[in-house]
Amino acid sequence: MSIQIIEQRLRELDCSLNHFAALANHILARTRLGQGLQGKYAIEHNTMQRLLDLLNEMIELRRSLPVAPNWADSDAIKAFLAQRREFKRAAEYDSDNVRRLLGIKE
């Protein structure tokens, strides 16, 4: 079932498997990801969950931008996602860091 969810979310994002593989290469190698989606390789549950988490982050990123992201620019997308993670961490634990991150002076 998770494979279908990945395929569905990629379609919703208008993101090709190649572009997603470039973003997910720290989770699973491109070849293994392709094999897993074809049913030729069993993706472990924890790995599948990490892939789904990445897709959820990509969906959040897409919703937060006024234009569709260029998924082909994996370096820029990785940087955007890292910034969003840092912002969430700062907002969760320390309002002062959020102020600094946003450039708000007291």
Protein backbone atom coordinates (compact mmCIF):
# COMPACT_ATOMS: atom_id res chain seq x y z
CA MET A 1 0.00 0.00 0.00
CA SER A 2 2.80 2.45 0.81
CA ILE A 3 4.19 2.12 -2.72
CA GLN A 4 0.87 3.30 -4.12
CA ILE A 5 0.90 6.24 -1.71
CA ILE A 6 4.36 7.26 -2.90
CA GLU A 7 3.30 7.04 -6.53
CA GLN A 8 0.11 9.01 -5.83
CA ARG A 9 1.93 11.77 -3.95
CA LEU A 10 4.55 12.06 -6.66
CA ARG A 11 1.77 12.55 -9.21
CA GLU A 12 0.10 15.16 -6.97
CA LEU A 13 3.39 17.01 -6.70
CA ASP A 14 4.12 16.63 -10.41
CA CYS A 15 7.51 15.25 -9.37
CA SER A 16 9.20 12.54 -11.41
CA LEU A 17 10.68 9.45 -9.82
CA ASN A 18 14.14 10.61 -10.93
CA HIS A 19 13.75 13.96 -9.20
CA PHE A 20 12.39 12.31 -6.04
CA ALA A 21 15.25 9.80 -6.07
CA ALA A 22 17.74 12.67 -6.14
CA LEU A 23 16.05 14.19 -3.07
CA ALA A 24 15.77 10.84 -1.27
CA ASN A 25 19.28 9.56 -2.00
CA HIS A 26 20.23 9.92 1.68
CA ILE A 27 17.40 7.49 2.50
CA LEU A 28 17.59 4.96 -0.32
CA ALA A 29 19.72 4.67 -3.46
CA ARG A 30 18.04 5.59 -6.74
CA THR A 31 18.28 2.03 -8.10
CA ARG A 32 16.77 0.48 -4.96
CA LEU A 33 13.99 3.05 -4.91
CA GLY A 34 13.07 2.25 -8.50
CA GLN A 35 13.23 -1.47 -7.83
CA GLY A 36 11.09 -1.05 -4.73
CA LEU A 37 8.40 0.86 -6.61
CA GLN A 38 8.41 -1.85 -9.28
CA GLY A 39 8.01 -4.54 -6.63
CA LYS A 40 11.44 -6.04 -7.35
CA TYR A 41 12.92 -5.02 -3.98
CA ALA A 42 11.30 -5.02 -0.56
CA ILE A 43 11.72 -1.61 1.03
CA GLU A 44 11.99 -1.91 4.80
CA HIS A 45 9.22 -0.37 6.89
CA ASN A 46 11.47 2.28 8.50
CA THR A 47 12.87 3.27 5.12
CA MET A 48 9.38 3.47 3.65
CA GLN A 49 8.30 5.71 6.54
CA ARG A 50 11.26 8.02 5.94
CA LEU A 51 10.34 8.25 2.24
CA LEU A 52 6.74 9.10 3.16
CA ASP A 53 7.97 11.71 5.65
CA LEU A 54 10.07 13.31 2.91
CA LEU A 55 7.06 13.37 0.60
CA ASN A 56 4.98 15.03 3.32
CA GLU A 57 7.69 17.68 3.70
CA MET A 58 7.65 18.21 -0.06
CA ILE A 59 3.87 18.65 0.03
CA GLU A 60 4.18 21.21 2.84
CA LEU A 61 6.88 23.03 0.88
CA ARG A 62 4.71 23.09 -2.24
CA ARG A 63 1.76 24.48 -0.29
CA SER A 64 3.89 27.22 1.23
CA LEU A 65 5.23 28.57 -2.06
CA PRO A 66 3.37 30.85 -4.46
CA VAL A 67 4.69 28.87 -7.46
CA ALA A 68 5.45 25.20 -7.99
CA PRO A 69 8.98 24.27 -6.96
CA ASN A 70 11.43 23.05 -9.57
CA TRP A 71 11.92 19.49 -8.32
CA ALA A 72 14.79 19.06 -10.80
CA ASP A 73 16.88 21.50 -8.74
CA SER A 74 17.55 19.02 -5.95
CA ASP A 75 20.18 21.19 -4.26
CA ALA A 76 17.76 24.10 -3.91
CA ILE A 77 14.92 21.83 -2.77
CA LYS A 78 17.17 20.18 -0.17
CA ALA A 79 18.15 23.65 1.09
CA PHE A 80 14.49 24.75 1.30
CA LEU A 81 13.57 21.58 3.19
CA ALA A 82 16.51 21.99 5.59
CA GLN A 83 15.48 25.60 6.28
CA ARG A 84 11.91 24.52 6.98
CA ARG A 85 13.14 21.82 9.40
CA GLU A 86 15.29 24.37 11.24
CA PHE A 87 12.40 26.80 11.43
CA LYS A 88 10.11 24.10 12.85
CA ARG A 89 12.75 23.11 15.41
CA ALA A 90 13.24 26.71 16.46
CA ALA A 91 9.52 27.38 16.69
CA GLU A 92 8.96 24.25 18.73
CA TYR A 93 11.63 24.85 21.35
CA ASP A 94 12.66 28.46 21.55
CA SER A 95 10.74 31.58 20.58
CA ASP A 96 13.92 33.69 20.76
CA ASN A 97 15.52 31.62 18.00
CA VAL A 98 12.41 32.10 15.92
CA ARG A 99 12.73 35.85 16.32
CA ARG A 100 16.38 35.73 15.28
CA LEU A 101 15.59 33.47 12.33
CA LEU A 102 12.90 35.88 11.17
CA GLY A 103 15.09 38.93 11.77
CA ILE A 104 12.70 40.41 14.33
CA LYS A 105 14.28 42.78 16.84
CA GLU A 106 12.81 43.15 20.28
